[in-house]
Amino acid sequence: MNATEMVRAVVVDPNTAGLLTVREVPGPTPKPGEARVRVAAFSLNRGEVRRSLGGAPAGYQPGWDLAGTVEQAAADGTGPKEGTCVVGVLASSAWAESVAVPTHQLAPLPGGVSFAQAATLPVAGLTALVSVEKGGSLLNRPVLVTGASGGVGFFAAQLAQQAGANVVAVVRQKRYADLVREVGITHVIVSADAADAA
Protein backbone atom coordinates (compact mmCIF):
# COMPACT_ATOMS: atom_id res chain seq x y z
CA MET A 1 0.00 0.00 0.00
CA ASN A 2 1.29 3.46 -0.80
CA ALA A 3 0.17 6.88 0.40
CA THR A 4 -2.11 7.38 -2.61
CA GLU A 5 -4.21 4.33 -1.76
CA MET A 6 -7.25 4.96 0.40
CA VAL A 7 -8.67 3.07 3.40
CA ARG A 8 -11.92 3.48 5.28
CA ALA A 9 -11.69 5.03 8.73
CA VAL A 10 -13.93 6.55 11.38
CA VAL A 11 -13.55 10.33 11.30
CA VAL A 12 -14.98 13.17 13.38
CA ASP A 13 -17.35 15.24 11.25
CA PRO A 14 -19.28 18.00 13.08
CA ASN A 15 -21.69 18.18 10.12
CA THR A 16 -22.81 14.57 10.59
CA ALA A 17 -25.51 13.44 13.00
CA GLY A 18 -23.64 11.68 15.81
CA LEU A 19 -20.40 13.54 14.91
CA LEU A 20 -18.70 10.40 13.57
CA THR A 21 -18.70 9.05 10.03
CA VAL A 22 -16.86 6.45 7.97
CA ARG A 23 -14.81 8.07 5.25
CA GLU A 24 -11.95 7.17 2.92
CA VAL A 25 -8.61 8.58 4.06
CA PRO A 26 -5.06 8.15 2.74
CA GLY A 27 -3.62 4.79 3.71
CA PRO A 28 -0.82 4.60 6.28
CA THR A 29 2.81 5.18 5.37
CA PRO A 30 4.77 3.40 8.11
CA LYS A 31 7.98 4.86 9.52
CA PRO A 32 10.97 2.47 9.76
CA GLY A 33 9.98 1.28 13.26
CA GLU A 34 6.31 0.77 12.41
CA ALA A 35 4.42 -2.17 10.98
CA ARG A 36 1.37 -1.76 8.78
CA VAL A 37 -1.53 -3.71 10.29
CA ARG A 38 -4.78 -4.73 8.57
CA VAL A 39 -7.30 -4.11 11.37
CA ALA A 40 -9.77 -6.93 12.01
CA ALA A 41 -11.26 -5.58 15.26
CA PHE A 42 -11.07 -2.57 17.53
CA SER A 43 -12.74 -1.66 20.80
CA LEU A 44 -14.34 1.50 22.10
CA ASN A 45 -13.18 3.06 25.34
CA ARG A 46 -15.02 5.79 27.17
CA GLY A 47 -12.14 8.27 26.94
CA GLU A 48 -11.71 8.08 23.17
CA VAL A 49 -15.47 8.20 22.57
CA ARG A 50 -15.82 11.19 24.91
CA ARG A 51 -13.00 13.03 23.10
CA SER A 52 -14.50 12.24 19.70
CA LEU A 53 -17.95 13.49 20.66
CA GLY A 54 -16.83 16.37 22.85
CA GLY A 55 -14.74 18.76 20.88
CA ALA A 56 -12.25 16.85 18.75
CA PRO A 57 -11.49 18.81 15.58
CA ALA A 58 -13.07 17.93 12.26
CA GLY A 59 -11.08 15.18 10.57
CA TYR A 60 -9.76 13.70 13.82
CA GLN A 61 -9.47 9.91 13.60
CA PRO A 62 -10.19 8.24 16.94
CA GLY A 63 -9.21 4.85 18.20
CA TRP A 64 -6.75 3.30 20.65
CA ASP A 65 -7.10 -0.50 20.72
CA LEU A 66 -6.78 -2.72 17.66
CA ALA A 67 -6.16 -6.29 16.61
CA GLY A 68 -5.36 -7.58 13.15
CA THR A 69 -2.69 -8.99 10.85
CA VAL A 70 0.66 -7.50 9.94
CA GLU A 71 0.49 -6.56 6.23
CA GLN A 72 3.98 -5.11 6.11
CA ALA A 73 6.70 -5.71 8.67
CA ALA A 74 8.70 -2.74 9.96
CA ALA A 75 11.48 -1.68 7.62
CA ASP A 76 14.01 -1.61 10.48
CA GLY A 77 13.49 -5.32 11.16
CA THR A 78 11.87 -4.86 14.58
CA GLY A 79 8.56 -6.38 15.61
CA PRO A 80 6.42 -9.14 14.17
CA LYS A 81 6.76 -10.49 10.65
CA GLU A 82 4.26 -10.14 7.84
CA GLY A 83 1.24 -12.39 8.39
CA THR A 84 1.50 -12.35 12.21
CA CYS A 85 -1.77 -11.86 14.10
CA VAL A 86 -1.24 -9.01 16.57
CA VAL A 87 -2.84 -6.77 19.18
CA GLY A 88 -1.77 -3.17 19.52
CA VAL A 89 -2.49 0.30 20.79
CA LEU A 90 -2.23 3.76 19.25
CA ALA A 91 -2.71 7.29 20.56
CA SER A 92 -5.38 7.75 17.84
CA SER A 93 -6.50 6.46 14.43
CA ALA A 94 -7.02 2.77 15.30
CA TRP A 95 -10.59 2.79 13.99
CA ALA A 96 -9.49 2.22 10.42
CA GLU A 97 -9.01 -0.62 7.95
CA SER A 98 -5.23 -0.33 7.97
CA VAL A 99 -2.89 1.51 10.35
CA ALA A 100 0.81 2.03 11.01
CA VAL A 101 1.74 0.91 14.54
CA PRO A 102 5.11 1.31 16.30
CA THR A 103 6.43 -2.19 16.80
CA HIS A 104 6.98 -1.62 20.53
CA GLN A 105 3.19 -1.17 20.78
CA LEU A 106 2.37 -4.52 19.16
CA ALA A 107 2.25 -8.04 20.56
CA PRO A 108 1.66 -11.34 18.74
CA LEU A 109 -1.63 -13.06 19.58
CA PRO A 110 -1.44 -16.48 21.18
CA GLY A 111 -3.50 -19.23 19.57
CA GLY A 112 -7.11 -19.36 20.66
CA VAL A 113 -7.45 -15.60 21.21
CA SER A 114 -9.79 -14.01 18.68
CA PHE A 115 -9.27 -10.57 17.19
CA ALA A 116 -12.42 -9.37 18.98
CA GLN A 117 -11.13 -10.61 22.35
CA ALA A 118 -7.66 -9.18 21.79
CA ALA A 119 -8.94 -5.73 20.82
CA THR A 120 -10.37 -5.27 24.32
CA LEU A 121 -7.04 -5.85 26.05
CA PRO A 122 -4.70 -2.89 25.59
CA VAL A 123 -6.55 -0.13 27.43
CA ALA A 124 -9.19 -1.87 29.58
CA GLY A 125 -7.20 -5.04 30.22
CA LEU A 126 -3.94 -3.32 31.12
CA THR A 127 -5.71 -0.70 33.26
CA ALA A 128 -7.39 -3.50 35.20
CA LEU A 129 -4.13 -5.43 35.56
CA VAL A 130 -2.24 -2.42 36.91
CA SER A 131 -5.09 -1.64 39.33
CA VAL A 132 -5.23 -5.18 40.67
CA GLU A 133 -1.43 -5.41 40.98
CA LYS A 134 -1.43 -2.24 43.12
CA GLY A 135 -3.41 -4.22 45.72
CA GLY A 136 -0.46 -6.52 46.36
CA SER A 137 -1.25 -10.05 47.46
CA LEU A 138 -5.02 -10.55 47.21
CA LEU A 139 -5.17 -14.12 48.46
CA ASN A 140 -8.23 -14.46 50.74
CA ARG A 141 -8.66 -10.67 50.88
CA PRO A 142 -11.96 -8.92 50.18
CA VAL A 143 -11.87 -6.80 47.02
CA LEU A 144 -14.64 -4.44 45.95
CA VAL A 145 -14.90 -3.85 42.21
CA THR A 146 -17.24 -1.06 41.20
CA GLY A 147 -18.37 -0.78 37.59
CA ALA A 148 -17.89 -4.53 37.22
CA SER A 149 -19.85 -4.70 33.98
CA GLY A 150 -17.65 -2.07 32.27
CA GLY A 151 -14.45 -2.90 30.44
CA VAL A 152 -11.95 -2.22 33.23
CA GLY A 153 -14.21 -3.49 36.02
CA PHE A 154 -15.04 -6.70 34.16
CA PHE A 155 -11.36 -7.52 33.75
CA ALA A 156 -10.50 -6.38 37.30
CA ALA A 157 -13.12 -8.63 38.88
CA GLN A 158 -11.82 -11.66 37.01
CA LEU A 159 -8.15 -10.88 37.67
CA ALA A 160 -8.76 -10.30 41.38
CA GLN A 161 -10.68 -13.56 41.65
CA GLN A 162 -7.89 -15.46 39.86
CA ALA A 163 -5.45 -13.90 42.36
CA GLY A 164 -7.45 -15.51 45.18
CA ALA A 165 -9.51 -12.52 46.32
CA ASN A 166 -13.04 -12.67 47.67
CA VAL A 167 -14.57 -10.39 45.05
CA VAL A 168 -17.65 -8.28 45.61
CA ALA A 169 -18.71 -6.87 42.25
CA VAL A 170 -20.99 -3.86 41.94
CA VAL A 171 -23.09 -3.14 38.85
CA ARG A 172 -25.55 -0.28 38.43
CA GLN A 173 -28.19 -2.19 36.49
CA LYS A 174 -29.71 -5.56 37.27
CA ARG A 175 -29.51 -6.66 33.64
CA TYR A 176 -25.70 -6.75 33.89
CA ALA A 177 -25.52 -8.86 37.05
CA ASP A 178 -25.78 -12.16 35.17
CA LEU A 179 -23.02 -11.11 32.76
CA VAL A 180 -20.66 -10.73 35.72
CA ARG A 181 -21.84 -13.98 37.30
CA GLU A 182 -21.17 -15.85 34.03
CA VAL A 183 -17.42 -15.38 34.54
CA GLY A 184 -17.56 -16.89 38.02
CA ILE A 185 -18.10 -13.86 40.25
CA THR A 186 -20.68 -15.05 42.78
CA HIS A 187 -21.12 -11.98 44.97
CA VAL A 188 -22.71 -9.36 42.70
CA ILE A 189 -24.53 -6.33 44.07
CA VAL A 190 -26.84 -4.11 42.05
CA SER A 191 -26.43 -0.57 43.38
CA ALA A 192 -26.06 2.96 42.05
CA ASP A 193 -23.69 3.99 44.86
CA ALA A 194 -22.21 0.71 46.20
CA ALA A 195 -23.77 1.42 49.63
CA ASP A 196 -25.04 -2.18 49.85
CA ALA A 197 -21.49 -3.50 49.55
CA ALA A 198 -20.56 -2.43 53.09
C-alpha atoms as a PDB file:
ATOM      1  CA  MET A   1       0.000   0.000   0.000  1.00  0.00           C
ATOM      2  CA  ASN A   2       1.292   3.458  -0.796  1.00  0.00           C
ATOM      3  CA  ALA A   3       0.167   6.879   0.404  1.00  0.00           C
ATOM      4  CA  THR A   4      -2.114   7.381  -2.610  1.00  0.00           C
ATOM      5  CA  GLU A   5      -4.206   4.333  -1.755  1.00  0.00           C
ATOM      6  CA  MET A   6      -7.248   4.956   0.397  1.00  0.00           C
ATOM      7  CA  VAL A   7      -8.667   3.073   3.399  1.00  0.00           C
ATOM      8  CA  ARG A   8     -11.917   3.484   5.277  1.00  0.00           C
ATOM      9  CA  ALA A   9     -11.690   5.035   8.730  1.00  0.00           C
ATOM     10  CA  VAL A  10     -13.929   6.554  11.383  1.00  0.00           C
ATOM     11  CA  VAL A  11     -13.548  10.332  11.297  1.00  0.00           C
ATOM     12  CA  VAL A  12     -14.979  13.174  13.376  1.00  0.00           C
ATOM     13  CA  ASP A  13     -17.354  15.243  11.250  1.00  0.00           C
ATOM     14  CA  PRO A  14     -19.283  17.997  13.080  1.00  0.00           C
ATOM     15  CA  ASN A  15     -21.693  18.177  10.125  1.00  0.00           C
ATOM     16  CA  THR A  16     -22.811  14.566  10.586  1.00  0.00           C
ATOM     17  CA  ALA A  17     -25.512  13.436  13.002  1.00  0.00           C
ATOM     18  CA  GLY A  18     -23.645  11.684  15.808  1.00  0.00           C
ATOM     19  CA  LEU A  19     -20.403  13.539  14.913  1.00  0.00           C
ATOM     20  CA  LEU A  20     -18.701  10.397  13.567  1.00  0.00           C
ATOM     21  CA  THR A  21     -18.705   9.051  10.033  1.00  0.00           C
ATOM     22  CA  VAL A  22     -16.860   6.451   7.966  1.00  0.00           C
ATOM     23  CA  ARG A  23     -14.806   8.073   5.245  1.00  0.00           C
ATOM     24  CA  GLU A  24     -11.953   7.170   2.921  1.00  0.00           C
ATOM     25  CA  VAL A  25      -8.610   8.580   4.060  1.00  0.00           C
ATOM     26  CA  PRO A  26      -5.064   8.152   2.740  1.00  0.00           C
ATOM     27  CA  GLY A  27      -3.616   4.786   3.706  1.00  0.00           C
ATOM     28  CA  PRO A  28      -0.822   4.597   6.279  1.00  0.00           C
ATOM     29  CA  THR A  29       2.813   5.184   5.372  1.00  0.00           C
ATOM     30  CA  PRO A  30       4.769   3.402   8.110  1.00  0.00           C
ATOM     31  CA  LYS A  31       7.983   4.859   9.519  1.00  0.00           C
ATOM     32  CA  PRO A  32      10.969   2.465   9.759  1.00  0.00           C
ATOM     33  CA  GLY A  33       9.978   1.277  13.264  1.00  0.00           C
ATOM     34  CA  GLU A  34       6.306   0.770  12.414  1.00  0.00           C
ATOM     35  CA  ALA A  35       4.418  -2.175  10.976  1.00  0.00           C
ATOM     36  CA  ARG A  36       1.370  -1.761   8.781  1.00  0.00           C
ATOM     37  CA  VAL A  37      -1.526  -3.714  10.287  1.00  0.00           C
ATOM     38  CA  ARG A  38      -4.782  -4.727   8.572  1.00  0.00           C
ATOM     39  CA  VAL A  39      -7.302  -4.108  11.366  1.00  0.00           C
ATOM     40  CA  ALA A  40      -9.768  -6.925  12.010  1.00  0.00           C
ATOM     41  CA  ALA A  41     -11.263  -5.575  15.256  1.00  0.00           C
ATOM     42  CA  PHE A  42     -11.068  -2.569  17.531  1.00  0.00           C
ATOM     43  CA  SER A  43     -12.740  -1.664  20.799  1.00  0.00           C
ATOM     44  CA  LEU A  44     -14.345   1.497  22.103  1.00  0.00           C
ATOM     45  CA  ASN A  45     -13.175   3.061  25.336  1.00  0.00           C
ATOM     46  CA  ARG A  46     -15.017   5.789  27.168  1.00  0.00           C
ATOM     47  CA  GLY A  47     -12.136   8.270  26.936  1.00  0.00           C
ATOM     48  CA  GLU A  48     -11.710   8.077  23.174  1.00  0.00           C
ATOM     49  CA  VAL A  49     -15.467   8.203  22.570  1.00  0.00           C
ATOM     50  CA  ARG A  50     -15.822  11.190  24.909  1.00  0.00           C
ATOM     51  CA  ARG A  51     -13.004  13.026  23.101  1.00  0.00           C
ATOM     52  CA  SER A  52     -14.500  12.240  19.697  1.00  0.00           C
ATOM     53  CA  LEU A  53     -17.952  13.489  20.661  1.00  0.00           C
ATOM     54  CA  GLY A  54     -16.829  16.372  22.852  1.00  0.00           C
ATOM     55  CA  GLY A  55     -14.740  18.763  20.877  1.00  0.00           C
ATOM     56  CA  ALA A  56     -12.247  16.849  18.748  1.00  0.00           C
ATOM     57  CA  PRO A  57     -11.486  18.811  15.582  1.00  0.00           C
ATOM     58  CA  ALA A  58     -13.073  17.927  12.258  1.00  0.00           C
ATOM     59  CA  GLY A  59     -11.082  15.183  10.565  1.00  0.00           C
ATOM     60  CA  TYR A  60      -9.761  13.701  13.823  1.00  0.00           C
ATOM     61  CA  GLN A  61      -9.472   9.906  13.598  1.00  0.00           C
ATOM     62  CA  PRO A  62     -10.193   8.242  16.944  1.00  0.00           C
ATOM     63  CA  GLY A  63      -9.208   4.848  18.202  1.00  0.00           C
ATOM     64  CA  TRP A  64      -6.753   3.305  20.646  1.00  0.00           C
ATOM     65  CA  ASP A  65      -7.099  -0.505  20.724  1.00  0.00           C
ATOM     66  CA  LEU A  66      -6.780  -2.723  17.664  1.00  0.00           C
ATOM     67  CA  ALA A  67      -6.160  -6.291  16.605  1.00  0.00           C
ATOM     68  CA  GLY A  68      -5.360  -7.583  13.154  1.00  0.00           C
ATOM     69  CA  THR A  69      -2.688  -8.990  10.854  1.00  0.00           C
ATOM     70  CA  VAL A  70       0.662  -7.497   9.936  1.00  0.00           C
ATOM     71  CA  GLU A  71       0.488  -6.563   6.234  1.00  0.00           C
ATOM     72  CA  GLN A  72       3.977  -5.110   6.112  1.00  0.00           C
ATOM     73  CA  ALA A  73       6.699  -5.706   8.670  1.00  0.00           C
ATOM     74  CA  ALA A  74       8.697  -2.744   9.962  1.00  0.00           C
ATOM     75  CA  ALA A  75      11.484  -1.679   7.616  1.00  0.00           C
ATOM     76  CA  ASP A  76      14.013  -1.605  10.478  1.00  0.00           C
ATOM     77  CA  GLY A  77      13.488  -5.318  11.160  1.00  0.00           C
ATOM     78  CA  THR A  78      11.875  -4.862  14.580  1.00  0.00           C
ATOM     79  CA  GLY A  79       8.564  -6.380  15.609  1.00  0.00           C
ATOM     80  CA  PRO A  80       6.425  -9.136  14.168  1.00  0.00           C
ATOM     81  CA  LYS A  81       6.765 -10.491  10.647  1.00  0.00           C
ATOM     82  CA  GLU A  82       4.260 -10.140   7.841  1.00  0.00           C
ATOM     83  CA  GLY A  83       1.242 -12.391   8.391  1.00  0.00           C
ATOM     84  CA  THR A  84       1.500 -12.348  12.207  1.00  0.00           C
ATOM     85  CA  CYS A  85      -1.767 -11.857  14.101  1.00  0.00           C
ATOM     86  CA  VAL A  86      -1.243  -9.006  16.571  1.00  0.00           C
ATOM     87  CA  VAL A  87      -2.840  -6.774  19.177  1.00  0.00           C
ATOM     88  CA  GLY A  88      -1.772  -3.168  19.517  1.00  0.00           C
ATOM     89  CA  VAL A  89      -2.491   0.304  20.793  1.00  0.00           C
ATOM     90  CA  LEU A  90      -2.227   3.765  19.250  1.00  0.00           C
ATOM     91  CA  ALA A  91      -2.707   7.291  20.557  1.00  0.00           C
ATOM     92  CA  SER A  92      -5.379   7.748  17.845  1.00  0.00           C
ATOM     93  CA  SER A  93      -6.500   6.463  14.428  1.00  0.00           C
ATOM     94  CA  ALA A  94      -7.019   2.769  15.304  1.00  0.00           C
ATOM     95  CA  TRP A  95     -10.593   2.786  13.994  1.00  0.00           C
ATOM     96  CA  ALA A  96      -9.493   2.219  10.415  1.00  0.00           C
ATOM     97  CA  GLU A  97      -9.010  -0.621   7.951  1.00  0.00           C
ATOM     98  CA  SER A  98      -5.230  -0.325   7.971  1.00  0.00           C
ATOM     99  CA  VAL A  99      -2.892   1.511  10.355  1.00  0.00           C
ATOM    100  CA  ALA A 100       0.807   2.033  11.015  1.00  0.00           C
ATOM    101  CA  VAL A 101       1.742   0.909  14.537  1.00  0.00           C
ATOM    102  CA  PRO A 102       5.109   1.314  16.299  1.00  0.00           C
ATOM    103  CA  THR A 103       6.434  -2.189  16.796  1.00  0.00           C
ATOM    104  CA  HIS A 104       6.976  -1.622  20.534  1.00  0.00           C
ATOM    105  CA  GLN A 105       3.190  -1.167  20.783  1.00  0.00           C
ATOM    106  CA  LEU A 106       2.374  -4.522  19.156  1.00  0.00           C
ATOM    107  CA  ALA A 107       2.252  -8.040  20.562  1.00  0.00           C
ATOM    108  CA  PRO A 108       1.656 -11.338  18.743  1.00  0.00           C
ATOM    109  CA  LEU A 109      -1.634 -13.062  19.581  1.00  0.00           C
ATOM    110  CA  PRO A 110      -1.440 -16.485  21.175  1.00  0.00           C
ATOM    111  CA  GLY A 111      -3.503 -19.227  19.568  1.00  0.00           C
ATOM    112  CA  GLY A 112      -7.111 -19.362  20.657  1.00  0.00           C
ATOM    113  CA  VAL A 113      -7.452 -15.599  21.215  1.00  0.00           C
ATOM    114  CA  SER A 114      -9.788 -14.005  18.682  1.00  0.00           C
ATOM    115  CA  PHE A 115      -9.274 -10.569  17.194  1.00  0.00           C
ATOM    116  CA  ALA A 116     -12.422  -9.365  18.984  1.00  0.00           C
ATOM    117  CA  GLN A 117     -11.132 -10.608  22.347  1.00  0.00           C
ATOM    118  CA  ALA A 118      -7.664  -9.180  21.789  1.00  0.00           C
ATOM    119  CA  ALA A 119      -8.942  -5.732  20.819  1.00  0.00           C
ATOM    120  CA  THR A 120     -10.372  -5.271  24.325  1.00  0.00           C
ATOM    121  CA  LEU A 121      -7.040  -5.854  26.049  1.00  0.00           C
ATOM    122  CA  PRO A 122      -4.697  -2.890  25.595  1.00  0.00           C
ATOM    123  CA  VAL A 123      -6.553  -0.125  27.430  1.00  0.00           C
ATOM    124  CA  ALA A 124      -9.191  -1.874  29.575  1.00  0.00           C
ATOM    125  CA  GLY A 125      -7.198  -5.041  30.217  1.00  0.00           C
ATOM    126  CA  LEU A 126      -3.942  -3.323  31.125  1.00  0.00           C
ATOM    127  CA  THR A 127      -5.705  -0.705  33.256  1.00  0.00           C
ATOM    128  CA  ALA A 128      -7.393  -3.497  35.205  1.00  0.00           C
ATOM    129  CA  LEU A 129      -4.135  -5.432  35.563  1.00  0.00           C
ATOM    130  CA  VAL A 130      -2.235  -2.417  36.911  1.00  0.00           C
ATOM    131  CA  SER A 131      -5.089  -1.640  39.326  1.00  0.00           C
ATOM    132  CA  VAL A 132      -5.234  -5.185  40.666  1.00  0.00           C
ATOM    133  CA  GLU A 133      -1.431  -5.408  40.981  1.00  0.00           C
ATOM    134  CA  LYS A 134      -1.431  -2.243  43.118  1.00  0.00           C
ATOM    135  CA  GLY A 135      -3.413  -4.218  45.715  1.00  0.00           C
ATOM    136  CA  GLY A 136      -0.460  -6.515  46.357  1.00  0.00           C
ATOM    137  CA  SER A 137      -1.251 -10.051  47.457  1.00  0.00           C
ATOM    138  CA  LEU A 138      -5.019 -10.547  47.214  1.00  0.00           C
ATOM    139  CA  LEU A 139      -5.170 -14.124  48.463  1.00  0.00           C
ATOM    140  CA  ASN A 140      -8.230 -14.458  50.735  1.00  0.00           C
ATOM    141  CA  ARG A 141      -8.665 -10.670  50.884  1.00  0.00           C
ATOM    142  CA  PRO A 142     -11.964  -8.918  50.184  1.00  0.00           C
ATOM    143  CA  VAL A 143     -11.868  -6.799  47.017  1.00  0.00           C
ATOM    144  CA  LEU A 144     -14.642  -4.439  45.955  1.00  0.00           C
ATOM    145  CA  VAL A 145     -14.897  -3.847  42.213  1.00  0.00           C
ATOM    146  CA  THR A 146     -17.241  -1.060  41.196  1.00  0.00           C
ATOM    147  CA  GLY A 147     -18.366  -0.782  37.594  1.00  0.00           C
ATOM    148  CA  ALA A 148     -17.887  -4.528  37.224  1.00  0.00           C
ATOM    149  CA  SER A 149     -19.853  -4.704  33.979  1.00  0.00           C
ATOM    150  CA  GLY A 150     -17.652  -2.066  32.273  1.00  0.00           C
ATOM    151  CA  GLY A 151     -14.450  -2.899  30.437  1.00  0.00           C
ATOM    152  CA  VAL A 152     -11.950  -2.222  33.232  1.00  0.00           C
ATOM    153  CA  GLY A 153     -14.208  -3.486  36.020  1.00  0.00           C
ATOM    154  CA  PHE A 154     -15.043  -6.696  34.157  1.00  0.00           C
ATOM    155  CA  PHE A 155     -11.359  -7.524  33.748  1.00  0.00           C
ATOM    156  CA  ALA A 156     -10.497  -6.382  37.298  1.00  0.00           C
ATOM    157  CA  ALA A 157     -13.121  -8.629  38.881  1.00  0.00           C
ATOM    158  CA  GLN A 158     -11.817 -11.665  37.009  1.00  0.00           C
ATOM    159  CA  LEU A 159      -8.150 -10.877  37.672  1.00  0.00           C
ATOM    160  CA  ALA A 160      -8.764 -10.303  41.381  1.00  0.00           C
ATOM    161  CA  GLN A 161     -10.677 -13.559  41.647  1.00  0.00           C
ATOM    162  CA  GLN A 162      -7.890 -15.455  39.864  1.00  0.00           C
ATOM    163  CA  ALA A 163      -5.452 -13.895  42.361  1.00  0.00           C
ATOM    164  CA  GLY A 164      -7.446 -15.514  45.181  1.00  0.00           C
ATOM    165  CA  ALA A 165      -9.505 -12.517  46.321  1.00  0.00           C
ATOM    166  CA  ASN A 166     -13.036 -12.668  47.674  1.00  0.00           C
ATOM    167  CA  VAL A 167     -14.567 -10.387  45.050  1.00  0.00           C
ATOM    168  CA  VAL A 168     -17.645  -8.278  45.607  1.00  0.00           C
ATOM    169  CA  ALA A 169     -18.707  -6.867  42.248  1.00  0.00           C
ATOM    170  CA  VAL A 170     -20.992  -3.863  41.936  1.00  0.00           C
ATOM    171  CA  VAL A 171     -23.091  -3.139  38.848  1.00  0.00           C
ATOM    172  CA  ARG A 172     -25.545  -0.278  38.431  1.00  0.00           C
ATOM    173  CA  GLN A 173     -28.194  -2.188  36.487  1.00  0.00           C
ATOM    174  CA  LYS A 174     -29.715  -5.558  37.266  1.00  0.00           C
ATOM    175  CA  ARG A 175     -29.513  -6.660  33.637  1.00  0.00           C
ATOM    176  CA  TYR A 176     -25.696  -6.748  33.893  1.00  0.00           C
ATOM    177  CA  ALA A 177     -25.515  -8.863  37.053  1.00  0.00           C
ATOM    178  CA  ASP A 178     -25.781 -12.162  35.171  1.00  0.00           C
ATOM    179  CA  LEU A 179     -23.020 -11.109  32.765  1.00  0.00           C
ATOM    180  CA  VAL A 180     -20.659 -10.725  35.720  1.00  0.00           C
ATOM    181  CA  ARG A 181     -21.838 -13.982  37.304  1.00  0.00           C
ATOM    182  CA  GLU A 182     -21.167 -15.851  34.035  1.00  0.00           C
ATOM    183  CA  VAL A 183     -17.417 -15.380  34.539  1.00  0.00           C
ATOM    184  CA  GLY A 184     -17.561 -16.890  38.016  1.00  0.00           C
ATOM    185  CA  ILE A 185     -18.103 -13.863  40.247  1.00  0.00           C
ATOM    186  CA  THR A 186     -20.683 -15.050  42.775  1.00  0.00           C
ATOM    187  CA  HIS A 187     -21.122 -11.978  44.969  1.00  0.00           C
ATOM    188  CA  VAL A 188     -22.710  -9.363  42.700  1.00  0.00           C
ATOM    189  CA  ILE A 189     -24.531  -6.327  44.075  1.00  0.00           C
ATOM    190  CA  VAL A 190     -26.838  -4.108  42.047  1.00  0.00           C
ATOM    191  CA  SER A 191     -26.434  -0.572  43.382  1.00  0.00           C
ATOM    192  CA  ALA A 192     -26.055   2.956  42.050  1.00  0.00           C
ATOM    193  CA  ASP A 193     -23.690   3.989  44.858  1.00  0.00           C
ATOM    194  CA  ALA A 194     -22.210   0.712  46.205  1.00  0.00           C
ATOM    195  CA  ALA A 195     -23.775   1.416  49.627  1.00  0.00           C
ATOM    196  CA  ASP A 196     -25.039  -2.176  49.849  1.00  0.00           C
ATOM    197  CA  ALA A 197     -21.491  -3.498  49.553  1.00  0.00           C
ATOM    198  CA  ALA A 198     -20.557  -2.435  53.092  1.00  0.00           C
END
